[in-house]
Amino acid sequence: MRKDNRSSVSEFILLGLPIHQEQGLYYALFLAMYLTMVLGNLLIIMLIWLDSHLHTPMYFFLSHLAFTDISFSSVTVPKMLMNMLTQSPSIPYAGCISQEFFFLLFGGIDSFLLTSMAYDRYVAICHPLRYTTIMSQSLCCLLVALSWVLSYASALVHTLLLADLSFCRDNTVPHFFCELSALLKLSSSDTTINELVILPVGTVVITLPFICILISYGCIGATILKTPSVKGICKALSTCGSHLSVVSLYYGAIIGLYLVPSSNNTNDNEVIVAVLYTLVTPMLNPFIYSLRNRDMKGALRNILSRTFSL
């Protein structure tokens, strides 16, 4: 219990996934997916770090995205797996608030990094002669730092407002992690300010980056159409295809859940979609960037050949 007595609960109960049968099978499945996600993203970071050919702005952002994906999933998935294994779904009050903070932090960084990567592709295709000048090391570091600062600020605002609420009526969270909207519904305090803050902060963290991505790819499409050719289209697809796939997965899940309200969106559906963008999308990112990227496959072959030649 907190010393200021703003909250009368010392822990929350996470109901977890809407799975009532064969929990052992689902535990093994999600554990395998989580380990695949961690190892795949660590492989991307290692390849970019070891291969000098990948020391470019695009792969600089990709390495940070891989680290963020690991962190983003690790905020929620290990606790979910532990609860499935032990059948003890409780989480301390402080742990719940901390989980909500880091979930929002790394989710926001993901969004900003995808925007930075879209801008990088825009400069590469629309201004190829000025690419090295525009995408300097200082600008890349600035964009990454800005992603952290803005995400930290947005997560801190939500967390401070959430920590000021009282939870006296119920402590059962109908989710597998401490999701912000689920916690607001449980509060016995007035959540008007919290709900008002969600729209402007969500606009900065999700909507504006998504609009910037659309503008970047709109400019890329306009540039390609000025000199239409099969070779140009194939080059653009090879350059942007992986990033577009990741953007579609990430924003598709968020838009489907939060921006397209539907009477069919039950709590179970929300939980399933949350699994999609907290575990499935980060797991698929390494496959997308490795299987559809010649540079990554070449770097992997080089490192494997050097390893086995020793």
Protein backbone atom coordinates (compact mmCIF):
# COMPACT_ATOMS: atom_id res chain seq x y z
CA MET A 1 0.00 0.00 0.00
CA ARG A 2 1.29 3.43 -0.87
CA LYS A 3 2.19 5.76 1.98
CA ASP A 4 -0.02 8.60 0.79
CA ASN A 5 -3.07 6.30 0.93
CA ARG A 6 -4.13 7.36 -2.53
CA SER A 7 -4.57 3.68 -3.37
CA SER A 8 -5.85 0.95 -1.09
CA VAL A 9 -4.58 -1.97 -3.19
CA SER A 10 -1.12 -3.47 -2.81
CA GLU A 11 -1.34 -5.64 -5.92
CA PHE A 12 -3.35 -6.27 -9.08
CA ILE A 13 -4.63 -9.55 -10.46
CA LEU A 14 -3.98 -10.09 -14.17
CA LEU A 15 -6.60 -12.31 -15.78
CA GLY A 16 -4.20 -13.10 -18.62
CA LEU A 17 -5.07 -14.49 -22.03
CA PRO A 18 -8.57 -15.76 -22.85
CA ILE A 19 -7.29 -19.35 -22.88
CA HIS A 20 -9.14 -21.91 -20.79
CA GLN A 21 -7.81 -25.19 -22.20
CA GLU A 22 -4.39 -26.62 -23.09
CA GLN A 23 -2.51 -23.85 -21.27
CA GLY A 24 0.68 -25.93 -21.38
CA LEU A 25 0.59 -26.00 -25.18
CA TYR A 26 0.05 -22.24 -25.42
CA TYR A 27 2.80 -21.64 -22.86
CA ALA A 28 5.27 -23.59 -25.01
CA LEU A 29 4.11 -21.73 -28.12
CA PHE A 30 4.48 -18.26 -26.60
CA LEU A 31 7.79 -19.17 -24.98
CA ALA A 32 9.12 -20.33 -28.37
CA MET A 33 7.86 -17.12 -30.01
CA TYR A 34 9.47 -14.96 -27.32
CA LEU A 35 12.83 -16.73 -27.56
CA THR A 36 12.69 -16.49 -31.35
CA MET A 37 12.00 -12.76 -31.07
CA VAL A 38 14.91 -12.17 -28.68
CA LEU A 39 17.42 -14.26 -30.65
CA GLY A 40 16.31 -12.85 -34.01
CA ASN A 41 16.63 -9.24 -32.93
CA LEU A 42 19.94 -9.93 -31.17
CA LEU A 43 21.15 -11.43 -34.45
CA ILE A 44 20.23 -8.22 -36.28
CA ILE A 45 22.11 -6.12 -33.71
CA MET A 46 25.15 -8.41 -33.93
CA LEU A 47 25.24 -8.40 -37.74
CA ILE A 48 25.01 -4.61 -37.92
CA TRP A 49 27.71 -4.23 -35.28
CA LEU A 50 30.14 -6.73 -36.87
CA ASP A 51 29.71 -5.93 -40.57
CA SER A 52 31.14 -2.54 -41.60
CA HIS A 53 29.03 -2.58 -44.77
CA LEU A 54 25.96 -2.18 -42.57
CA HIS A 55 27.24 0.95 -40.82
CA THR A 56 24.73 3.18 -42.62
CA PRO A 57 21.84 5.33 -41.34
CA MET A 58 19.18 2.77 -42.27
CA TYR A 59 20.87 -0.04 -40.33
CA PHE A 60 21.72 2.33 -37.49
CA PHE A 61 17.99 2.89 -37.01
CA LEU A 62 17.30 -0.83 -37.52
CA SER A 63 19.70 -1.81 -34.73
CA HIS A 64 17.92 0.57 -32.35
CA LEU A 65 14.55 -0.79 -33.51
CA ALA A 66 15.72 -4.34 -32.79
CA PHE A 67 16.83 -3.35 -29.27
CA THR A 68 13.53 -1.54 -28.68
CA ASP A 69 11.53 -4.55 -29.88
CA ILE A 70 13.34 -6.80 -27.41
CA SER A 71 12.67 -4.34 -24.60
CA PHE A 72 9.06 -3.76 -25.66
CA SER A 73 8.19 -7.46 -25.56
CA SER A 74 10.24 -8.11 -22.44
CA VAL A 75 8.14 -5.62 -20.48
CA THR A 76 5.04 -7.82 -20.70
CA VAL A 77 5.73 -11.29 -22.11
CA PRO A 78 7.97 -12.79 -19.35
CA LYS A 79 5.40 -11.85 -16.70
CA MET A 80 2.63 -13.35 -18.84
CA LEU A 81 4.61 -16.59 -19.23
CA MET A 82 5.39 -16.75 -15.51
CA ASN A 83 1.71 -16.29 -14.66
CA MET A 84 0.75 -19.07 -17.08
CA LEU A 85 3.34 -21.38 -15.53
CA THR A 86 2.73 -20.67 -11.84
CA GLN A 87 -1.00 -19.88 -12.00
CA SER A 88 -0.25 -16.93 -9.71
CA PRO A 89 -1.43 -13.90 -11.71
CA SER A 90 -0.70 -11.18 -9.17
CA ILE A 91 1.58 -8.19 -9.77
CA PRO A 92 2.58 -5.63 -7.09
CA TYR A 93 1.17 -2.13 -7.34
CA ALA A 94 4.62 -0.63 -7.99
CA GLY A 95 5.38 -3.35 -10.53
CA CYS A 96 2.13 -2.63 -12.37
CA ILE A 97 2.82 1.10 -12.60
CA SER A 98 6.40 0.42 -13.73
CA GLN A 99 5.22 -2.04 -16.37
CA GLU A 100 2.77 0.51 -17.75
CA PHE A 101 5.54 3.16 -17.90
CA PHE A 102 8.04 0.99 -19.79
CA PHE A 103 5.35 -0.37 -22.10
CA LEU A 104 4.43 3.18 -23.17
CA LEU A 105 8.10 4.19 -23.33
CA PHE A 106 9.27 1.46 -25.69
CA GLY A 107 6.03 1.52 -27.69
CA GLY A 108 6.56 5.23 -28.35
CA ILE A 109 10.22 4.73 -29.30
CA ASP A 110 9.14 2.05 -31.80
CA SER A 111 6.78 4.53 -33.43
CA PHE A 112 9.38 7.31 -33.71
CA LEU A 113 12.09 4.96 -35.00
CA LEU A 114 9.80 3.70 -37.77
CA THR A 115 9.23 7.36 -38.71
CA SER A 116 12.98 8.04 -38.79
CA MET A 117 13.47 5.01 -41.02
CA ALA A 118 10.74 6.26 -43.38
CA TYR A 119 12.49 9.65 -43.58
CA ASP A 120 15.77 7.87 -44.33
CA ARG A 121 14.13 6.01 -47.25
CA TYR A 122 12.58 9.28 -48.47
CA VAL A 123 15.97 11.00 -48.59
CA ALA A 124 17.63 7.97 -50.22
CA ILE A 125 15.11 7.81 -53.09
CA CYS A 126 14.03 11.44 -53.52
CA HIS A 127 17.39 13.11 -52.84
CA PRO A 128 20.02 10.44 -53.57
CA LEU A 129 22.82 12.90 -54.40
CA ARG A 130 22.42 14.67 -51.06
CA TYR A 131 21.82 11.53 -49.00
CA THR A 132 25.18 11.38 -47.23
CA THR A 133 25.02 15.10 -46.51
CA ILE A 134 21.49 15.09 -45.11
CA MET A 135 21.61 11.78 -43.22
CA SER A 136 24.72 12.64 -41.26
CA GLN A 137 25.75 10.80 -38.14
CA SER A 138 24.77 13.77 -35.99
CA LEU A 139 21.25 13.85 -37.48
CA CYS A 140 20.79 10.10 -36.96
CA CYS A 141 21.87 10.38 -33.32
CA LEU A 142 19.60 13.39 -32.88
CA LEU A 143 16.58 11.50 -34.26
CA VAL A 144 17.21 8.55 -31.95
CA ALA A 145 17.72 10.84 -28.94
CA LEU A 146 14.54 12.73 -29.82
CA SER A 147 12.66 9.43 -29.99
CA TRP A 148 13.76 8.60 -26.46
CA VAL A 149 13.02 12.06 -25.06
CA LEU A 150 9.53 12.35 -26.55
CA SER A 151 8.61 8.79 -25.59
CA TYR A 152 9.94 9.26 -22.07
CA ALA A 153 7.96 12.47 -21.66
CA SER A 154 4.71 10.91 -22.90
CA ALA A 155 5.12 7.79 -20.76
CA LEU A 156 5.98 9.89 -17.71
CA VAL A 157 2.87 12.06 -18.11
CA HIS A 158 0.57 9.03 -18.25
CA THR A 159 2.38 7.32 -15.37
CA LEU A 160 2.29 10.31 -13.03
CA LEU A 161 -1.42 10.84 -13.69
CA LEU A 162 -2.08 7.13 -13.19
CA ALA A 163 -0.12 7.03 -9.92
CA ASP A 164 -2.33 9.81 -8.57
CA LEU A 165 -5.47 7.69 -8.89
CA SER A 166 -7.10 5.57 -6.20
CA PHE A 167 -7.98 1.89 -6.69
CA CYS A 168 -10.46 0.82 -4.04
CA ARG A 169 -13.27 -1.02 -5.82
CA ASP A 170 -11.52 -3.74 -7.78
CA ASN A 171 -7.97 -4.89 -8.50
CA THR A 172 -8.68 -7.41 -11.28
CA VAL A 173 -7.20 -6.35 -14.63
CA PRO A 174 -8.88 -8.13 -17.59
CA HIS A 175 -5.59 -8.29 -19.51
CA PHE A 176 -2.23 -10.06 -19.47
CA PHE A 177 -0.39 -6.86 -18.52
CA CYS A 178 -1.13 -3.52 -16.86
CA GLU A 179 -2.70 -1.80 -19.85
CA LEU A 180 -3.50 1.89 -19.35
CA SER A 181 -7.16 1.91 -20.40
CA ALA A 182 -7.89 -1.23 -18.34
CA LEU A 183 -6.39 0.41 -15.24
CA LEU A 184 -8.38 3.60 -15.77
CA LYS A 185 -11.59 1.59 -15.80
CA LEU A 186 -10.68 0.08 -12.42
CA SER A 187 -9.96 3.39 -10.72
CA SER A 188 -12.35 4.76 -8.12
CA SER A 189 -11.09 8.31 -8.79
CA ASP A 190 -12.16 10.78 -11.45
CA THR A 191 -10.19 9.86 -14.60
CA THR A 192 -11.32 12.81 -16.72
CA ILE A 193 -7.85 14.38 -16.87
CA ASN A 194 -6.25 11.04 -17.72
CA GLU A 195 -8.67 10.48 -20.57
CA LEU A 196 -8.25 14.02 -21.87
CA VAL A 197 -4.47 13.60 -21.97
CA ILE A 198 -4.66 10.36 -23.99
CA LEU A 199 -5.76 12.13 -27.20
CA PRO A 200 -3.03 14.82 -27.47
CA VAL A 201 -0.26 12.52 -26.27
CA GLY A 202 -1.47 9.74 -28.56
CA THR A 203 -1.51 12.22 -31.44
CA VAL A 204 2.13 13.10 -30.84
CA VAL A 205 3.32 9.52 -30.31
CA ILE A 206 1.18 7.57 -32.80
CA THR A 207 -0.85 9.73 -35.19
CA LEU A 208 1.75 12.32 -36.23
CA PRO A 209 4.51 9.73 -36.81
CA PHE A 210 2.09 7.68 -38.90
CA ILE A 211 1.16 10.75 -40.95
CA CYS A 212 4.86 11.52 -41.47
CA ILE A 213 5.39 7.96 -42.70
CA LEU A 214 2.49 8.32 -45.15
CA ILE A 215 3.88 11.64 -46.42
CA SER A 216 7.35 10.12 -46.85
CA TYR A 217 6.03 7.23 -48.90
CA GLY A 218 3.72 9.55 -50.82
CA CYS A 219 6.77 11.55 -51.90
CA ILE A 220 8.62 8.33 -52.72
CA GLY A 221 5.70 7.18 -54.89
CA ALA A 222 5.52 10.55 -56.65
CA THR A 223 9.26 10.41 -57.38
CA ILE A 224 8.98 6.91 -58.84
CA LEU A 225 6.01 7.88 -61.03
CA LYS A 226 7.98 10.78 -62.55
CA THR A 227 10.30 8.29 -64.22
CA PRO A 228 8.30 5.06 -64.26
CA SER A 229 10.33 1.97 -65.06
CA VAL A 230 10.34 -1.63 -63.99
CA LYS A 231 13.88 -1.28 -62.72
CA GLY A 232 13.02 1.80 -60.66
CA ILE A 233 9.94 0.19 -59.13
CA CYS A 234 11.86 -2.98 -58.25
CA LYS A 235 14.64 -0.93 -56.66
CA ALA A 236 12.14 1.07 -54.62
CA LEU A 237 10.38 -2.10 -53.47
CA SER A 238 13.66 -3.72 -52.46
CA THR A 239 14.63 -0.57 -50.58
CA CYS A 240 11.31 0.08 -48.84
CA GLY A 241 9.57 -3.29 -48.85
CA SER A 242 10.86 -4.49 -45.49
CA HIS A 243 10.09 -1.22 -43.75
CA LEU A 244 6.60 -1.05 -45.26
CA SER A 245 5.88 -4.58 -44.04
CA VAL A 246 6.89 -3.71 -40.47
CA VAL A 247 4.92 -0.43 -40.56
CA SER A 248 1.84 -2.29 -41.79
CA LEU A 249 2.06 -4.85 -38.99
CA TYR A 250 2.74 -2.30 -36.23
CA TYR A 251 0.26 0.41 -37.14
CA GLY A 252 -2.31 -2.03 -38.56
CA ALA A 253 -2.77 -3.65 -35.15
CA ILE A 254 -2.90 -0.32 -33.30
CA ILE A 255 -5.31 1.31 -35.76
CA GLY A 256 -7.56 -1.75 -35.79
CA LEU A 257 -7.74 -1.75 -32.00
CA TYR A 258 -7.80 1.91 -30.99
CA LEU A 259 -8.77 4.02 -34.01
CA VAL A 260 -11.51 1.87 -35.53
CA PRO A 261 -14.08 1.38 -32.75
CA SER A 262 -16.43 -1.50 -33.20
CA SER A 263 -19.17 -3.11 -31.19
CA ASN A 264 -17.45 -6.41 -31.94
CA ASN A 265 -14.28 -5.35 -30.12
CA THR A 266 -14.76 -7.37 -26.95
CA ASN A 267 -12.14 -7.50 -24.25
CA ASP A 268 -10.94 -10.88 -25.55
CA ASN A 269 -10.37 -9.37 -29.00
CA GLU A 270 -8.39 -6.51 -27.47
CA VAL A 271 -6.17 -8.95 -25.60
CA ILE A 272 -5.53 -10.99 -28.75
CA VAL A 273 -4.62 -7.86 -30.74
CA ALA A 274 -2.32 -6.82 -27.89
CA VAL A 275 -0.48 -10.13 -28.27
CA LEU A 276 -0.12 -9.32 -31.97
CA TYR A 277 1.72 -6.03 -31.47
CA THR A 278 3.63 -6.96 -28.30
CA LEU A 279 4.94 -10.36 -29.40
CA VAL A 280 4.07 -11.39 -32.95
CA THR A 281 5.20 -8.19 -34.72
CA PRO A 282 8.56 -7.94 -32.89
CA MET A 283 9.12 -11.65 -33.63
CA LEU A 284 8.42 -11.20 -37.35
CA ASN A 285 10.67 -8.14 -37.77
CA PRO A 286 13.95 -10.11 -37.93
CA PHE A 287 12.49 -12.47 -40.54
CA ILE A 288 11.21 -9.55 -42.62
CA TYR A 289 14.52 -7.68 -42.54
CA SER A 290 16.68 -10.77 -43.09
CA LEU A 291 14.69 -12.70 -45.67
CA ARG A 292 13.88 -9.63 -47.82
CA ASN A 293 17.21 -7.84 -47.45
CA ARG A 294 20.25 -8.81 -49.52
CA ASP A 295 22.64 -6.81 -47.32
CA MET A 296 21.56 -8.65 -44.16
CA LYS A 297 21.75 -12.05 -45.86
CA GLY A 298 25.17 -11.18 -47.25
CA ALA A 299 26.40 -10.08 -43.82
CA LEU A 300 25.13 -13.32 -42.28
CA ARG A 301 26.87 -15.41 -44.96
CA ASN A 302 30.14 -13.52 -44.44
CA ILE A 303 30.09 -14.00 -40.69
CA LEU A 304 29.18 -17.69 -40.99
CA SER A 305 31.94 -18.29 -43.56
CA ARG A 306 34.50 -16.54 -41.34
CA THR A 307 33.30 -18.54 -38.33
CA PHE A 308 33.52 -21.95 -40.01
CA SER A 309 36.83 -21.12 -41.71
CA LEU A 310 38.54 -20.65 -38.33
